[in-house]
Amino acid sequence: MLKGDDERAKQTYLKAISINPSSNIPYIELSGLYSRKGDWERAEAELKNMIQACGSNYQNLQVLAVFYENGRKQDLAEKTYLDAV
C-alpha cells in the first residue's frame, strides 16, 4: 500500500465488510491500518467487531491475543489465549 492510500484502503476494507461481514480478513487489515497509524483503540475495536461478526473461534481470538501481546497488555493477552482453547 502506498503511503497516501490509507483512506482509500480504509474505504475498501469497510466496503468488503459491508459485502461480507462474516469474513475476518477485512477487519484484520483495517485493524492493521489503524495500528500502523498508532490508533490502538480503533485497531482493538475492529478486532472486537470481527469477533462479534465472525465468531469467537480460535483463529479470531488468537489475532486479538497477539494484538494484546504486542501492545504489552499481557493480562488481556493471556485471558484471550485461554478463551481460545
N, C-alpha and C. Protein backbone atom coordinates (compact mmCIF):
# COMPACT_ATOMS: atom_id res chain seq x y z
N MET A 1 0.85 -1.17 0.00
CA MET A 1 0.00 0.00 0.00
C MET A 1 0.89 1.24 0.00
N LEU A 2 0.61 2.17 -0.87
CA LEU A 2 1.34 3.42 -0.91
C LEU A 2 0.95 4.31 0.25
N LYS A 3 1.86 5.15 0.67
CA LYS A 3 1.65 5.95 1.88
C LYS A 3 0.38 6.79 1.83
N GLY A 4 0.05 7.39 0.74
CA GLY A 4 -1.12 8.26 0.63
C GLY A 4 -2.43 7.53 0.43
N ASP A 5 -2.38 6.23 0.40
CA ASP A 5 -3.58 5.45 0.09
C ASP A 5 -4.32 4.93 1.32
N ASP A 6 -4.00 5.43 2.50
CA ASP A 6 -4.66 4.94 3.71
C ASP A 6 -6.17 5.10 3.66
N GLU A 7 -6.64 6.24 3.25
CA GLU A 7 -8.09 6.48 3.22
C GLU A 7 -8.76 5.57 2.20
N ARG A 8 -8.13 5.40 1.07
CA ARG A 8 -8.68 4.51 0.04
C ARG A 8 -8.71 3.07 0.54
N ALA A 9 -7.65 2.66 1.21
CA ALA A 9 -7.61 1.31 1.78
C ALA A 9 -8.71 1.14 2.82
N LYS A 10 -8.86 2.13 3.69
CA LYS A 10 -9.90 2.07 4.72
C LYS A 10 -11.27 1.90 4.08
N GLN A 11 -11.56 2.68 3.06
CA GLN A 11 -12.86 2.58 2.39
C GLN A 11 -13.05 1.21 1.74
N THR A 12 -11.98 0.66 1.19
CA THR A 12 -12.05 -0.66 0.57
C THR A 12 -12.36 -1.72 1.62
N TYR A 13 -11.69 -1.65 2.77
CA TYR A 13 -11.95 -2.62 3.84
C TYR A 13 -13.38 -2.49 4.36
N LEU A 14 -13.84 -1.26 4.54
CA LEU A 14 -15.21 -1.06 5.02
C LEU A 14 -16.24 -1.59 4.02
N LYS A 15 -15.95 -1.40 2.74
CA LYS A 15 -16.85 -1.92 1.71
C LYS A 15 -16.86 -3.46 1.74
N ALA A 16 -15.67 -4.04 1.90
CA ALA A 16 -15.59 -5.51 1.97
C ALA A 16 -16.38 -6.03 3.18
N ILE A 17 -16.31 -5.33 4.30
CA ILE A 17 -17.07 -5.72 5.49
C ILE A 17 -18.56 -5.62 5.22
N SER A 18 -18.98 -4.57 4.52
CA SER A 18 -20.41 -4.42 4.24
C SER A 18 -20.92 -5.49 3.28
N ILE A 19 -20.07 -5.96 2.39
CA ILE A 19 -20.45 -7.00 1.44
C ILE A 19 -20.49 -8.37 2.11
N ASN A 20 -19.47 -8.65 2.93
CA ASN A 20 -19.38 -9.96 3.59
C ASN A 20 -18.90 -9.77 5.03
N PRO A 21 -19.81 -9.41 5.92
CA PRO A 21 -19.41 -9.13 7.29
C PRO A 21 -18.90 -10.35 8.06
N SER A 22 -19.06 -11.54 7.52
CA SER A 22 -18.60 -12.73 8.23
C SER A 22 -17.18 -13.14 7.80
N SER A 23 -16.52 -12.34 6.99
CA SER A 23 -15.13 -12.59 6.63
C SER A 23 -14.23 -11.80 7.57
N ASN A 24 -13.30 -12.48 8.21
CA ASN A 24 -12.45 -11.80 9.19
C ASN A 24 -11.32 -10.98 8.57
N ILE A 25 -10.97 -11.24 7.34
CA ILE A 25 -9.80 -10.59 6.72
C ILE A 25 -9.90 -9.07 6.67
N PRO A 26 -11.01 -8.48 6.21
CA PRO A 26 -11.02 -7.01 6.17
C PRO A 26 -10.95 -6.36 7.55
N TYR A 27 -11.49 -7.02 8.58
CA TYR A 27 -11.37 -6.49 9.94
C TYR A 27 -9.91 -6.48 10.38
N ILE A 28 -9.22 -7.58 10.08
CA ILE A 28 -7.81 -7.68 10.46
C ILE A 28 -6.99 -6.63 9.73
N GLU A 29 -7.24 -6.46 8.45
CA GLU A 29 -6.50 -5.47 7.67
C GLU A 29 -6.79 -4.04 8.15
N LEU A 30 -8.05 -3.77 8.45
CA LEU A 30 -8.43 -2.44 8.94
C LEU A 30 -7.78 -2.19 10.30
N SER A 31 -7.76 -3.19 11.15
CA SER A 31 -7.08 -3.07 12.43
C SER A 31 -5.59 -2.78 12.24
N GLY A 32 -4.99 -3.46 11.30
CA GLY A 32 -3.57 -3.22 11.00
C GLY A 32 -3.32 -1.81 10.51
N LEU A 33 -4.22 -1.31 9.69
CA LEU A 33 -4.09 0.07 9.21
C LEU A 33 -4.11 1.05 10.38
N TYR A 34 -5.07 0.86 11.28
CA TYR A 34 -5.15 1.73 12.46
C TYR A 34 -3.92 1.57 13.35
N SER A 35 -3.44 0.36 13.50
CA SER A 35 -2.25 0.12 14.33
C SER A 35 -1.04 0.85 13.77
N ARG A 36 -0.85 0.76 12.46
CA ARG A 36 0.29 1.45 11.84
C ARG A 36 0.23 2.96 12.03
N LYS A 37 -0.98 3.48 12.19
CA LYS A 37 -1.15 4.92 12.41
C LYS A 37 -1.10 5.27 13.90
N GLY A 38 -0.95 4.26 14.75
CA GLY A 38 -0.89 4.49 16.18
C GLY A 38 -2.24 4.66 16.85
N ASP A 39 -3.31 4.33 16.15
CA ASP A 39 -4.66 4.45 16.70
C ASP A 39 -5.06 3.10 17.30
N TRP A 40 -4.51 2.81 18.48
CA TRP A 40 -4.66 1.50 19.11
C TRP A 40 -6.10 1.21 19.50
N GLU A 41 -6.83 2.21 19.94
CA GLU A 41 -8.23 1.99 20.35
C GLU A 41 -9.08 1.55 19.17
N ARG A 42 -8.92 2.21 18.03
CA ARG A 42 -9.70 1.82 16.85
C ARG A 42 -9.25 0.45 16.33
N ALA A 43 -7.96 0.18 16.42
CA ALA A 43 -7.45 -1.13 15.99
C ALA A 43 -8.07 -2.24 16.83
N GLU A 44 -8.09 -2.04 18.14
CA GLU A 44 -8.70 -3.02 19.04
C GLU A 44 -10.20 -3.15 18.77
N ALA A 45 -10.87 -2.03 18.55
CA ALA A 45 -12.31 -2.04 18.29
C ALA A 45 -12.63 -2.86 17.04
N GLU A 46 -11.81 -2.75 16.01
CA GLU A 46 -12.07 -3.52 14.78
C GLU A 46 -11.91 -5.02 15.03
N LEU A 47 -10.95 -5.39 15.85
CA LEU A 47 -10.79 -6.82 16.16
C LEU A 47 -11.96 -7.33 16.99
N LYS A 48 -12.45 -6.50 17.89
CA LYS A 48 -13.63 -6.90 18.66
C LYS A 48 -14.87 -6.97 17.77
N ASN A 49 -14.97 -6.05 16.80
CA ASN A 49 -16.06 -6.12 15.82
C ASN A 49 -15.98 -7.41 15.03
N MET A 50 -14.75 -7.82 14.69
CA MET A 50 -14.55 -9.06 13.94
C MET A 50 -15.08 -10.25 14.74
N ILE A 51 -14.74 -10.29 16.02
CA ILE A 51 -15.19 -11.41 16.86
C ILE A 51 -16.71 -11.41 16.98
N GLN A 52 -17.29 -10.23 17.10
CA GLN A 52 -18.75 -10.14 17.18
C GLN A 52 -19.41 -10.62 15.88
N ALA A 53 -18.85 -10.22 14.74
CA ALA A 53 -19.45 -10.54 13.45
C ALA A 53 -19.09 -11.94 12.96
N CYS A 54 -17.87 -12.39 13.25
CA CYS A 54 -17.36 -13.63 12.67
C CYS A 54 -17.30 -14.79 13.66
N GLY A 55 -17.49 -14.50 14.92
CA GLY A 55 -17.46 -15.54 15.93
C GLY A 55 -16.17 -15.57 16.72
N SER A 56 -16.27 -16.16 17.88
CA SER A 56 -15.11 -16.23 18.77
C SER A 56 -14.40 -17.57 18.60
N ASN A 57 -14.02 -17.86 17.37
CA ASN A 57 -13.29 -19.10 17.11
C ASN A 57 -11.80 -18.90 17.44
N TYR A 58 -11.07 -19.99 17.40
CA TYR A 58 -9.65 -19.95 17.78
C TYR A 58 -8.87 -18.91 16.98
N GLN A 59 -9.04 -18.91 15.66
CA GLN A 59 -8.26 -18.01 14.82
C GLN A 59 -8.52 -16.54 15.17
N ASN A 60 -9.76 -16.16 15.32
CA ASN A 60 -10.09 -14.77 15.62
C ASN A 60 -9.59 -14.36 17.00
N LEU A 61 -9.76 -15.24 17.97
CA LEU A 61 -9.27 -14.92 19.31
C LEU A 61 -7.75 -14.85 19.35
N GLN A 62 -7.09 -15.68 18.58
CA GLN A 62 -5.63 -15.63 18.53
C GLN A 62 -5.15 -14.30 17.95
N VAL A 63 -5.83 -13.80 16.93
CA VAL A 63 -5.46 -12.50 16.36
C VAL A 63 -5.56 -11.40 17.42
N LEU A 64 -6.66 -11.41 18.18
CA LEU A 64 -6.84 -10.42 19.24
C LEU A 64 -5.79 -10.60 20.33
N ALA A 65 -5.49 -11.83 20.71
CA ALA A 65 -4.49 -12.09 21.74
C ALA A 65 -3.11 -11.58 21.31
N VAL A 66 -2.73 -11.81 20.07
CA VAL A 66 -1.44 -11.32 19.57
C VAL A 66 -1.42 -9.79 19.59
N PHE A 67 -2.54 -9.17 19.22
CA PHE A 67 -2.63 -7.71 19.29
C PHE A 67 -2.35 -7.23 20.71
N TYR A 68 -2.99 -7.88 21.69
CA TYR A 68 -2.77 -7.50 23.09
C TYR A 68 -1.32 -7.74 23.50
N GLU A 69 -0.77 -8.86 23.08
CA GLU A 69 0.60 -9.18 23.43
C GLU A 69 1.57 -8.13 22.88
N ASN A 70 1.37 -7.75 21.63
CA ASN A 70 2.22 -6.74 21.01
C ASN A 70 2.06 -5.37 21.66
N GLY A 71 0.89 -5.13 22.23
CA GLY A 71 0.63 -3.87 22.91
C GLY A 71 0.98 -3.89 24.38
N ARG A 72 1.68 -4.94 24.80
CA ARG A 72 2.13 -5.07 26.19
C ARG A 72 0.97 -5.16 27.18
N LYS A 73 -0.13 -5.72 26.73
CA LYS A 73 -1.28 -5.95 27.61
C LYS A 73 -1.33 -7.45 27.91
N GLN A 74 -0.35 -7.89 28.70
CA GLN A 74 -0.17 -9.32 28.93
C GLN A 74 -1.37 -9.98 29.60
N ASP A 75 -2.02 -9.26 30.52
CA ASP A 75 -3.17 -9.84 31.20
C ASP A 75 -4.31 -10.13 30.23
N LEU A 76 -4.57 -9.17 29.32
CA LEU A 76 -5.62 -9.38 28.31
C LEU A 76 -5.21 -10.44 27.30
N ALA A 77 -3.93 -10.48 26.95
CA ALA A 77 -3.43 -11.49 26.01
C ALA A 77 -3.63 -12.88 26.59
N GLU A 78 -3.25 -13.05 27.86
CA GLU A 78 -3.37 -14.35 28.49
C GLU A 78 -4.83 -14.79 28.57
N LYS A 79 -5.70 -13.89 28.97
CA LYS A 79 -7.14 -14.21 29.07
C LYS A 79 -7.69 -14.61 27.71
N THR A 80 -7.31 -13.87 26.67
CA THR A 80 -7.82 -14.15 25.33
C THR A 80 -7.28 -15.47 24.79
N TYR A 81 -6.00 -15.75 25.05
CA TYR A 81 -5.45 -17.05 24.67
C TYR A 81 -6.20 -18.18 25.35
N LEU A 82 -6.48 -18.01 26.64
CA LEU A 82 -7.20 -19.06 27.36
C LEU A 82 -8.64 -19.22 26.84
N ASP A 83 -9.25 -18.12 26.44
CA ASP A 83 -10.60 -18.21 25.84
C ASP A 83 -10.55 -18.96 24.52
N ALA A 84 -9.42 -18.90 23.84
CA ALA A 84 -9.30 -19.52 22.51
C ALA A 84 -9.20 -21.04 22.59
N VAL A 85 -8.75 -21.55 23.70
CA VAL A 85 -8.57 -23.02 23.78
C VAL A 85 -9.70 -23.69 24.54
